[in-house]
Full PDB file with SEQRES, HELIX, SHEET, SSBOND, CRYST1, ORIGX, SCALE, CONECT and MASTER records, all heavy atoms in Angstrom:
SEQRES   1 A   37  MET GLN TYR GLY PRO GLN ALA ALA LEU ILE ALA GLU SER          
SEQRES   2 A   37  PHE PRO THR ARG ARG ARG TYR SER GLY ALA GLY LEU GLY          
SEQRES   3 A   37  TYR GLN LEU ALA SER VAL PHE ALA GLY GLY PRO                  
HELIX    1 AA1 TYR A    3  ALA A   11  1                                   9    
HELIX    2 AA2 THR A   16  ARG A   18  5                                   3    
HELIX    3 AA3 ARG A   19  ALA A   30  1                                  12    
HELIX    4 AA4 SER A   31  GLY A   35  3                                   5    
CRYST1    1.000    1.000    1.000  90.00  90.00  90.00 P 1           1          
ORIGX1      1.000000  0.000000  0.000000        0.00000                         
ORIGX2      0.000000  1.000000  0.000000        0.00000                         
ORIGX3      0.000000  0.000000  1.000000        0.00000                         
SCALE1      1.000000  0.000000  0.000000        0.00000                         
SCALE2      0.000000  1.000000  0.000000        0.00000                         
SCALE3      0.000000  0.000000  1.000000        0.00000                         
ATOM      1  N   MET A   1      83.187-128.026  46.840  1.00  0.00           N  
ATOM      2  CA  MET A   1      83.998-129.240  46.959  1.00  0.00           C  
ATOM      3  C   MET A   1      83.243-130.339  47.697  1.00  0.00           C  
ATOM      4  O   MET A   1      83.497-131.531  47.497  1.00  0.00           O  
ATOM      5  CB  MET A   1      85.304-128.913  47.684  1.00  0.00           C  
ATOM      6  CG  MET A   1      86.213-127.953  46.916  1.00  0.00           C  
ATOM      7  SD  MET A   1      87.621-127.386  47.893  1.00  0.00           S  
ATOM      8  CE  MET A   1      88.601-128.887  47.944  1.00  0.00           C  
ATOM      9  N   GLN A   2      82.333-129.935  48.552  1.00  0.00           N  
ATOM     10  CA  GLN A   2      81.510-130.905  49.274  1.00  0.00           C  
ATOM     11  C   GLN A   2      80.189-131.158  48.558  1.00  0.00           C  
ATOM     12  O   GLN A   2      79.703-132.289  48.506  1.00  0.00           O  
ATOM     13  CB  GLN A   2      81.224-130.378  50.691  1.00  0.00           C  
ATOM     14  CG  GLN A   2      82.475-130.167  51.523  1.00  0.00           C  
ATOM     15  CD  GLN A   2      82.208-129.336  52.765  1.00  0.00           C  
ATOM     16  OE1 GLN A   2      81.747-129.842  53.790  1.00  0.00           O  
ATOM     17  NE2 GLN A   2      82.489-128.046  52.689  1.00  0.00           N  
ATOM     18  N   TYR A   3      79.612-130.119  48.002  1.00  0.00           N  
ATOM     19  CA  TYR A   3      78.280-130.242  47.427  1.00  0.00           C  
ATOM     20  C   TYR A   3      78.284-131.061  46.134  1.00  0.00           C  
ATOM     21  O   TYR A   3      77.300-131.727  45.816  1.00  0.00           O  
ATOM     22  CB  TYR A   3      77.696-128.853  47.166  1.00  0.00           C  
ATOM     23  CG  TYR A   3      76.192-128.823  47.217  1.00  0.00           C  
ATOM     24  CD1 TYR A   3      75.517-129.227  48.366  1.00  0.00           C  
ATOM     25  CD2 TYR A   3      75.438-128.392  46.135  1.00  0.00           C  
ATOM     26  CE1 TYR A   3      74.138-129.210  48.428  1.00  0.00           C  
ATOM     27  CE2 TYR A   3      74.057-128.368  46.191  1.00  0.00           C  
ATOM     28  CZ  TYR A   3      73.413-128.770  47.344  1.00  0.00           C  
ATOM     29  OH  TYR A   3      72.042-128.760  47.397  1.00  0.00           O  
ATOM     30  N   GLY A   4      79.393-131.022  45.391  1.00  0.00           N  
ATOM     31  CA  GLY A   4      79.477-131.799  44.167  1.00  0.00           C  
ATOM     32  C   GLY A   4      79.333-133.297  44.405  1.00  0.00           C  
ATOM     33  O   GLY A   4      78.471-133.957  43.819  1.00  0.00           O  
ATOM     34  N   PRO A   5      80.156-133.899  45.285  1.00  0.00           N  
ATOM     35  CA  PRO A   5      80.056-135.346  45.531  1.00  0.00           C  
ATOM     36  C   PRO A   5      78.992-135.731  46.550  1.00  0.00           C  
ATOM     37  O   PRO A   5      78.756-136.918  46.777  1.00  0.00           O  
ATOM     38  CB  PRO A   5      81.445-135.702  46.070  1.00  0.00           C  
ATOM     39  CG  PRO A   5      81.912-134.452  46.745  1.00  0.00           C  
ATOM     40  CD  PRO A   5      81.355-133.317  45.930  1.00  0.00           C  
ATOM     41  N   GLN A   6      78.356-134.753  47.165  1.00  0.00           N  
ATOM     42  CA  GLN A   6      77.469-135.040  48.295  1.00  0.00           C  
ATOM     43  C   GLN A   6      76.289-135.936  47.936  1.00  0.00           C  
ATOM     44  O   GLN A   6      75.918-136.849  48.688  1.00  0.00           O  
ATOM     45  CB  GLN A   6      76.951-133.734  48.895  1.00  0.00           C  
ATOM     46  CG  GLN A   6      76.126-133.898  50.145  1.00  0.00           C  
ATOM     47  CD  GLN A   6      75.632-132.554  50.640  1.00  0.00           C  
ATOM     48  OE1 GLN A   6      74.599-132.080  50.213  1.00  0.00           O  
ATOM     49  NE2 GLN A   6      76.395-131.919  51.525  1.00  0.00           N  
ATOM     50  N   ALA A   7      75.679-135.694  46.771  1.00  0.00           N  
ATOM     51  CA  ALA A   7      74.497-136.466  46.384  1.00  0.00           C  
ATOM     52  C   ALA A   7      74.825-137.952  46.308  1.00  0.00           C  
ATOM     53  O   ALA A   7      74.111-138.789  46.871  1.00  0.00           O  
ATOM     54  CB  ALA A   7      73.966-135.970  45.041  1.00  0.00           C  
ATOM     55  N   ALA A   8      75.907-138.281  45.622  1.00  0.00           N  
ATOM     56  CA  ALA A   8      76.290-139.685  45.502  1.00  0.00           C  
ATOM     57  C   ALA A   8      76.732-140.256  46.844  1.00  0.00           C  
ATOM     58  O   ALA A   8      76.409-141.404  47.186  1.00  0.00           O  
ATOM     59  CB  ALA A   8      77.408-139.838  44.471  1.00  0.00           C  
ATOM     60  N   LEU A   9      77.468-139.474  47.617  1.00  0.00           N  
ATOM     61  CA  LEU A   9      77.961-139.942  48.910  1.00  0.00           C  
ATOM     62  C   LEU A   9      76.809-140.344  49.827  1.00  0.00           C  
ATOM     63  O   LEU A   9      76.852-141.404  50.471  1.00  0.00           O  
ATOM     64  CB  LEU A   9      78.793-138.835  49.581  1.00  0.00           C  
ATOM     65  CG  LEU A   9      79.357-139.142  50.967  1.00  0.00           C  
ATOM     66  CD1 LEU A   9      80.358-140.283  50.895  1.00  0.00           C  
ATOM     67  CD2 LEU A   9      79.996-137.898  51.573  1.00  0.00           C  
ATOM     68  N   ILE A  10      75.755-139.530  49.873  1.00  0.00           N  
ATOM     69  CA  ILE A  10      74.622-139.823  50.749  1.00  0.00           C  
ATOM     70  C   ILE A  10      73.721-140.894  50.148  1.00  0.00           C  
ATOM     71  O   ILE A  10      73.343-141.867  50.813  1.00  0.00           O  
ATOM     72  CB  ILE A  10      73.825-138.540  51.040  1.00  0.00           C  
ATOM     73  CG1 ILE A  10      74.675-137.562  51.872  1.00  0.00           C  
ATOM     74  CG2 ILE A  10      72.526-138.866  51.766  1.00  0.00           C  
ATOM     75  CD1 ILE A  10      74.003-136.231  52.141  1.00  0.00           C  
ATOM     76  N   ALA A  11      73.359-140.734  48.881  1.00  0.00           N  
ATOM     77  CA  ALA A  11      72.372-141.632  48.273  1.00  0.00           C  
ATOM     78  C   ALA A  11      72.876-143.067  48.174  1.00  0.00           C  
ATOM     79  O   ALA A  11      72.091-144.015  48.296  1.00  0.00           O  
ATOM     80  CB  ALA A  11      71.984-141.119  46.890  1.00  0.00           C  
ATOM     81  N   GLU A  12      74.172-143.261  47.953  1.00  0.00           N  
ATOM     82  CA  GLU A  12      74.713-144.610  47.851  1.00  0.00           C  
ATOM     83  C   GLU A  12      74.734-145.344  49.197  1.00  0.00           C  
ATOM     84  O   GLU A  12      74.996-146.541  49.250  1.00  0.00           O  
ATOM     85  CB  GLU A  12      76.123-144.581  47.265  1.00  0.00           C  
ATOM     86  CG  GLU A  12      76.141-144.326  45.773  1.00  0.00           C  
ATOM     87  CD  GLU A  12      77.539-144.367  45.183  1.00  0.00           C  
ATOM     88  OE1 GLU A  12      78.521-144.186  45.940  1.00  0.00           O  
ATOM     89  OE2 GLU A  12      77.642-144.581  43.969  1.00  0.00           O  
ATOM     90  N   SER A  13      74.436-144.634  50.258  1.00  0.00           N  
ATOM     91  CA  SER A  13      74.411-145.258  51.584  1.00  0.00           C  
ATOM     92  C   SER A  13      73.114-146.009  51.848  1.00  0.00           C  
ATOM     93  O   SER A  13      72.980-146.657  52.891  1.00  0.00           O  
ATOM     94  CB  SER A  13      74.613-144.191  52.670  1.00  0.00           C  
ATOM     95  OG  SER A  13      75.864-143.538  52.530  1.00  0.00           O  
ATOM     96  N   PHE A  14      72.154-145.921  50.898  1.00  0.00           N  
ATOM     97  CA  PHE A  14      70.848-146.539  51.100  1.00  0.00           C  
ATOM     98  C   PHE A  14      70.486-147.412  49.899  1.00  0.00           C  
ATOM     99  O   PHE A  14      70.816-147.075  48.758  1.00  0.00           O  
ATOM    100  CB  PHE A  14      69.783-145.458  51.296  1.00  0.00           C  
ATOM    101  CG  PHE A  14      70.056-144.541  52.452  1.00  0.00           C  
ATOM    102  CD1 PHE A  14      70.780-143.368  52.279  1.00  0.00           C  
ATOM    103  CD2 PHE A  14      69.606-144.865  53.725  1.00  0.00           C  
ATOM    104  CE1 PHE A  14      71.045-142.520  53.347  1.00  0.00           C  
ATOM    105  CE2 PHE A  14      69.866-144.028  54.802  1.00  0.00           C  
ATOM    106  CZ  PHE A  14      70.591-142.861  54.615  1.00  0.00           C  
ATOM    107  N   PRO A  15      69.802-148.541  50.129  1.00  0.00           N  
ATOM    108  CA  PRO A  15      69.378-149.404  49.018  1.00  0.00           C  
ATOM    109  C   PRO A  15      68.266-148.736  48.208  1.00  0.00           C  
ATOM    110  O   PRO A  15      67.586-147.828  48.696  1.00  0.00           O  
ATOM    111  CB  PRO A  15      68.881-150.659  49.719  1.00  0.00           C  
ATOM    112  CG  PRO A  15      68.456-150.198  51.078  1.00  0.00           C  
ATOM    113  CD  PRO A  15      69.395-149.091  51.440  1.00  0.00           C  
ATOM    114  N   THR A  16      68.058-149.233  46.992  1.00  0.00           N  
ATOM    115  CA  THR A  16      67.100-148.614  46.069  1.00  0.00           C  
ATOM    116  C   THR A  16      65.716-148.461  46.672  1.00  0.00           C  
ATOM    117  O   THR A  16      65.105-147.392  46.573  1.00  0.00           O  
ATOM    118  CB  THR A  16      67.001-149.451  44.782  1.00  0.00           C  
ATOM    119  OG1 THR A  16      68.284-149.508  44.170  1.00  0.00           O  
ATOM    120  CG2 THR A  16      66.008-148.846  43.812  1.00  0.00           C  
ATOM    121  N   ARG A  17      65.197-149.495  47.308  1.00  0.00           N  
ATOM    122  CA  ARG A  17      63.811-149.452  47.774  1.00  0.00           C  
ATOM    123  C   ARG A  17      63.613-148.526  48.962  1.00  0.00           C  
ATOM    124  O   ARG A  17      62.479-148.234  49.339  1.00  0.00           O  
ATOM    125  CB  ARG A  17      63.324-150.856  48.120  1.00  0.00           C  
ATOM    126  CG  ARG A  17      64.082-151.557  49.226  1.00  0.00           C  
ATOM    127  CD  ARG A  17      63.574-152.985  49.405  1.00  0.00           C  
ATOM    128  NE  ARG A  17      64.300-153.717  50.412  1.00  0.00           N  
ATOM    129  CZ  ARG A  17      65.420-154.385  50.193  1.00  0.00           C  
ATOM    130  NH1 ARG A  17      65.949-154.387  48.973  1.00  0.00           N  
ATOM    131  NH2 ARG A  17      66.018-155.055  51.160  1.00  0.00           N  
ATOM    132  N   ARG A  18      64.715-148.019  49.552  1.00  0.00           N  
ATOM    133  CA  ARG A  18      64.601-147.049  50.647  1.00  0.00           C  
ATOM    134  C   ARG A  18      65.448-145.810  50.390  1.00  0.00           C  
ATOM    135  O   ARG A  18      65.673-145.017  51.305  1.00  0.00           O  
ATOM    136  CB  ARG A  18      65.026-147.705  51.975  1.00  0.00           C  
ATOM    137  CG  ARG A  18      64.138-148.854  52.408  1.00  0.00           C  
ATOM    138  CD  ARG A  18      64.446-149.292  53.830  1.00  0.00           C  
ATOM    139  NE  ARG A  18      65.796-149.838  53.970  1.00  0.00           N  
ATOM    140  CZ  ARG A  18      66.120-151.109  53.739  1.00  0.00           C  
ATOM    141  NH1 ARG A  18      65.192-151.964  53.345  1.00  0.00           N  
ATOM    142  NH2 ARG A  18      67.352-151.540  53.888  1.00  0.00           N  
ATOM    143  N   ARG A  19      65.887-145.634  49.161  1.00  0.00           N  
ATOM    144  CA  ARG A  19      66.840-144.560  48.873  1.00  0.00           C  
ATOM    145  C   ARG A  19      66.214-143.170  48.961  1.00  0.00           C  
ATOM    146  O   ARG A  19      66.813-142.241  49.505  1.00  0.00           O  
ATOM    147  CB  ARG A  19      67.456-144.778  47.497  1.00  0.00           C  
ATOM    148  CG  ARG A  19      68.514-143.728  47.117  1.00  0.00           C  
ATOM    149  CD  ARG A  19      69.281-144.160  45.894  1.00  0.00           C  
ATOM    150  NE  ARG A  19      70.129-145.301  46.198  1.00  0.00           N  
ATOM    151  CZ  ARG A  19      70.303-146.340  45.393  1.00  0.00           C  
ATOM    152  NH1 ARG A  19      69.654-146.401  44.236  1.00  0.00           N  
ATOM    153  NH2 ARG A  19      71.089-147.339  45.747  1.00  0.00           N  
ATOM    154  N   TYR A  20      65.034-143.003  48.397  1.00  0.00           N  
ATOM    155  CA  TYR A  20      64.377-141.687  48.435  1.00  0.00           C  
ATOM    156  C   TYR A  20      64.160-141.262  49.887  1.00  0.00           C  
ATOM    157  O   TYR A  20      64.473-140.139  50.278  1.00  0.00           O  
ATOM    158  CB  TYR A  20      63.050-141.766  47.672  1.00  0.00           C  
ATOM    159  CG  TYR A  20      62.443-140.445  47.241  1.00  0.00           C  
ATOM    160  CD1 TYR A  20      61.789-140.342  46.017  1.00  0.00           C  
ATOM    161  CD2 TYR A  20      62.487-139.312  48.042  1.00  0.00           C  
ATOM    162  CE1 TYR A  20      61.209-139.151  45.592  1.00  0.00           C  
ATOM    163  CE2 TYR A  20      61.915-138.115  47.634  1.00  0.00           C  
ATOM    164  CZ  TYR A  20      61.266-138.048  46.413  1.00  0.00           C  
ATOM    165  OH  TYR A  20      60.696-136.866  46.004  1.00  0.00           O  
ATOM    166  N   SER A  21      63.641-142.183  50.703  1.00  0.00           N  
ATOM    167  CA  SER A  21      63.372-141.884  52.115  1.00  0.00           C  
ATOM    168  C   SER A  21      64.658-141.613  52.883  1.00  0.00           C  
ATOM    169  O   SER A  21      64.774-140.604  53.588  1.00  0.00           O  
ATOM    170  CB  SER A  21      62.619-143.046  52.768  1.00  0.00           C  
ATOM    171  OG  SER A  21      61.377-143.263  52.154  1.00  0.00           O  
ATOM    172  N   GLY A  22      65.628-142.510  52.756  1.00  0.00           N  
ATOM    173  CA  GLY A  22      66.849-142.397  53.540  1.00  0.00           C  
ATOM    174  C   GLY A  22      67.700-141.206  53.166  1.00  0.00           C  
ATOM    175  O   GLY A  22      68.118-140.430  54.034  1.00  0.00           O  
ATOM    176  N   ALA A  23      67.962-141.050  51.872  1.00  0.00           N  
ATOM    177  CA  ALA A  23      68.801-139.939  51.430  1.00  0.00           C  
ATOM    178  C   ALA A  23      68.131-138.609  51.727  1.00  0.00           C  
ATOM    179  O   ALA A  23      68.770-137.665  52.209  1.00  0.00           O  
ATOM    180  CB  ALA A  23      69.093-140.073  49.935  1.00  0.00           C  
ATOM    181  N   GLY A  24      66.831-138.512  51.438  1.00  0.00           N  
ATOM    182  CA  GLY A  24      66.125-137.255  51.678  1.00  0.00           C  
ATOM    183  C   GLY A  24      66.081-136.890  53.147  1.00  0.00           C  
ATOM    184  O   GLY A  24      66.314-135.736  53.524  1.00  0.00           O  
ATOM    185  N   LEU A  25      65.801-137.865  54.011  1.00  0.00           N  
ATOM    186  CA  LEU A  25      65.719-137.579  55.443  1.00  0.00           C  
ATOM    187  C   LEU A  25      67.077-137.196  56.010  1.00  0.00           C  
ATOM    188  O   LEU A  25      67.197-136.220  56.769  1.00  0.00           O  
ATOM    189  CB  LEU A  25      65.157-138.796  56.171  1.00  0.00           C  
ATOM    190  CG  LEU A  25      64.851-138.610  57.658  1.00  0.00           C  
ATOM    191  CD1 LEU A  25      63.827-137.502  57.850  1.00  0.00           C  
ATOM    192  CD2 LEU A  25      64.335-139.916  58.263  1.00  0.00           C  
ATOM    193  N   GLY A  26      68.124-137.954  55.662  1.00  0.00           N  
ATOM    194  CA  GLY A  26      69.452-137.618  56.160  1.00  0.00           C  
ATOM    195  C   GLY A  26      69.898-136.241  55.711  1.00  0.00           C  
ATOM    196  O   GLY A  26      70.438-135.446  56.497  1.00  0.00           O  
ATOM    197  N   TYR A  27      69.661-135.950  54.440  1.00  0.00           N  
ATOM    198  CA  TYR A  27      70.047-134.651  53.877  1.00  0.00           C  
ATOM    199  C   TYR A  27      69.296-133.514  54.551  1.00  0.00           C  
ATOM    200  O   TYR A  27      69.881-132.496  54.928  1.00  0.00           O  
ATOM    201  CB  TYR A  27      69.764-134.670  52.382  1.00  0.00           C  
ATOM    202  CG  TYR A  27      70.082-133.405  51.635  1.00  0.00           C  
ATOM    203  CD1 TYR A  27      71.346-133.200  51.079  1.00  0.00           C  
ATOM    204  CD2 TYR A  27      69.133-132.423  51.449  1.00  0.00           C  
ATOM    205  CE1 TYR A  27      71.646-132.047  50.376  1.00  0.00           C  
ATOM    206  CE2 TYR A  27      69.410-131.259  50.743  1.00  0.00           C  
ATOM    207  CZ  TYR A  27      70.663-131.087  50.209  1.00  0.00           C  
ATOM    208  OH  TYR A  27      70.945-129.931  49.509  1.00  0.00           O  
ATOM    209  N   GLN A  28      67.996-133.666  54.736  1.00  0.00           N  
ATOM    210  CA  GLN A  28      67.184-132.554  55.227  1.00  0.00           C  
ATOM    211  C   GLN A  28      67.226-132.384  56.738  1.00  0.00           C  
ATOM    212  O   GLN A  28      66.944-131.289  57.244  1.00  0.00           O  
ATOM    213  CB  GLN A  28      65.730-132.727  54.772  1.00  0.00           C  
ATOM    214  CG  GLN A  28      65.530-132.779  53.271  1.00  0.00           C  
ATOM    215  CD  GLN A  28      65.944-131.490  52.558  1.00  0.00           C  
ATOM    216  OE1 GLN A  28      66.341-130.507  53.188  1.00  0.00           O  
ATOM    217  NE2 GLN A  28      65.864-131.493  51.239  1.00  0.00           N  
ATOM    218  N   LEU A  29      67.586-133.411  57.485  1.00  0.00           N  
ATOM    219  CA  LEU A  29      67.709-133.245  58.934  1.00  0.00           C  
ATOM    220  C   LEU A  29      68.751-132.189  59.295  1.00  0.00           C  
ATOM    221  O   LEU A  29      68.626-131.513  60.319  1.00  0.00           O  
ATOM    222  CB  LEU A  29      68.075-134.584  59.592  1.00  0.00           C  
ATOM    223  CG  LEU A  29      66.918-135.515  59.952  1.00  0.00           C  
ATOM    224  CD1 LEU A  29      67.454-136.820  60.503  1.00  0.00           C  
ATOM    225  CD2 LEU A  29      65.979-134.853  60.948  1.00  0.00           C  
ATOM    226  N   ALA A  30      69.758-132.057  58.437  1.00  0.00           N  
ATOM    227  CA  ALA A  30      70.784-131.045  58.690  1.00  0.00           C  
ATOM    228  C   ALA A  30      70.204-129.645  58.713  1.00  0.00           C  
ATOM    229  O   ALA A  30      70.761-128.741  59.355  1.00  0.00           O  
ATOM    230  CB  ALA A  30      71.883-131.149  57.627  1.00  0.00           C  
ATOM    231  N   SER A  31      69.093-129.449  58.026  1.00  0.00           N  
ATOM    232  CA  SER A  31      68.485-128.124  57.970  1.00  0.00           C  
ATOM    233  C   SER A  31      68.044-127.643  59.343  1.00  0.00           C  
ATOM    234  O   SER A  31      68.002-126.443  59.594  1.00  0.00           O  
ATOM    235  CB  SER A  31      67.274-128.157  57.025  1.00  0.00           C  
ATOM    236  OG  SER A  31      67.646-128.606  55.742  1.00  0.00           O  
ATOM    237  N   VAL A  32      67.706-128.572  60.232  1.00  0.00           N  
ATOM    238  CA  VAL A  32      67.200-128.203  61.553  1.00  0.00           C  
ATOM    239  C   VAL A  32      68.296-127.590  62.416  1.00  0.00           C  
ATOM    240  O   VAL A  32      68.076-126.603  63.119  1.00  0.00           O  
ATOM    241  CB  VAL A  32      66.589-129.434  62.251  1.00  0.00           C  
ATOM    242  CG1 VAL A  32      66.107-129.074  63.651  1.00  0.00           C  
ATOM    243  CG2 VAL A  32      65.444-129.999  61.422  1.00  0.00           C  
ATOM    244  N   PHE A  33      69.503-128.152  62.359  1.00  0.00           N  
ATOM    245  CA  PHE A  33      70.562-127.676  63.259  1.00  0.00           C  
ATOM    246  C   PHE A  33      71.730-127.015  62.527  1.00  0.00           C  
ATOM    247  O   PHE A  33      72.636-126.490  63.178  1.00  0.00           O  
ATOM    248  CB  PHE A  33      71.100-128.834  64.116  1.00  0.00           C  
ATOM    249  CG  PHE A  33      71.593-130.013  63.338  1.00  0.00           C  
ATOM    250  CD1 PHE A  33      72.850-130.022  62.766  1.00  0.00           C  
ATOM    251  CD2 PHE A  33      70.792-131.132  63.157  1.00  0.00           C  
ATOM    252  CE1 PHE A  33      73.309-131.116  62.044  1.00  0.00           C  
ATOM    253  CE2 PHE A  33      71.242-132.237  62.449  1.00  0.00           C  
ATOM    254  CZ  PHE A  33      72.500-132.221  61.889  1.00  0.00           C  
ATOM    255  N   ALA A  34      71.721-127.016  61.200  1.00  0.00           N  
ATOM    256  CA  ALA A  34      72.828-126.414  60.450  1.00  0.00           C  
ATOM    257  C   ALA A  34      72.357-125.194  59.653  1.00  0.00           C  
ATOM    258  O   ALA A  34      72.609-124.052  60.036  1.00  0.00           O  
ATOM    259  CB  ALA A  34      73.453-127.454  59.517  1.00  0.00           C  
ATOM    260  N   GLY A  35      71.668-125.419  58.552  1.00  0.00           N  
ATOM    261  CA  GLY A  35      71.309-124.323  57.662  1.00  0.00           C  
ATOM    262  C   GLY A  35      70.339-123.330  58.250  1.00  0.00           C  
ATOM    263  O   GLY A  35      70.535-122.109  58.174  1.00  0.00           O  
ATOM    264  N   GLY A  36      69.256-123.821  58.863  1.00  0.00           N  
ATOM    265  CA  GLY A  36      68.233-122.923  59.375  1.00  0.00           C  
ATOM    266  C   GLY A  36      68.732-121.970  60.445  1.00  0.00           C  
ATOM    267  O   GLY A  36      68.529-120.748  60.342  1.00  0.00           O  
ATOM    268  N   PRO A  37      69.384-122.469  61.496  1.00  0.00           N  
ATOM    269  CA  PRO A  37      69.823-121.564  62.568  1.00  0.00           C  
ATOM    270  C   PRO A  37      71.044-120.716  62.216  1.00  0.00           C  
ATOM    271  O   PRO A  37      71.358-119.784  62.965  1.00  0.00           O  
ATOM    272  CB  PRO A  37      70.176-122.539  63.706  1.00  0.00           C  
ATOM    273  CG  PRO A  37      69.573-123.848  63.328  1.00  0.00           C  
ATOM    274  CD  PRO A  37      69.562-123.875  61.844  1.00  0.00           C  
TER     275      PRO A  37                                                      
MASTER        0    0    0    4    0    0    0    6  274    1    0    3          
END                                                                             
């Protein structure tokens, strides 16, 4: 229920010229304190 809309929810928060950087960094930072541990 979260993972389906998650890509659009995060990626739309950043403009095109910074979208890859912003969406990828925000998404992957969670790995440090959420998924990994």
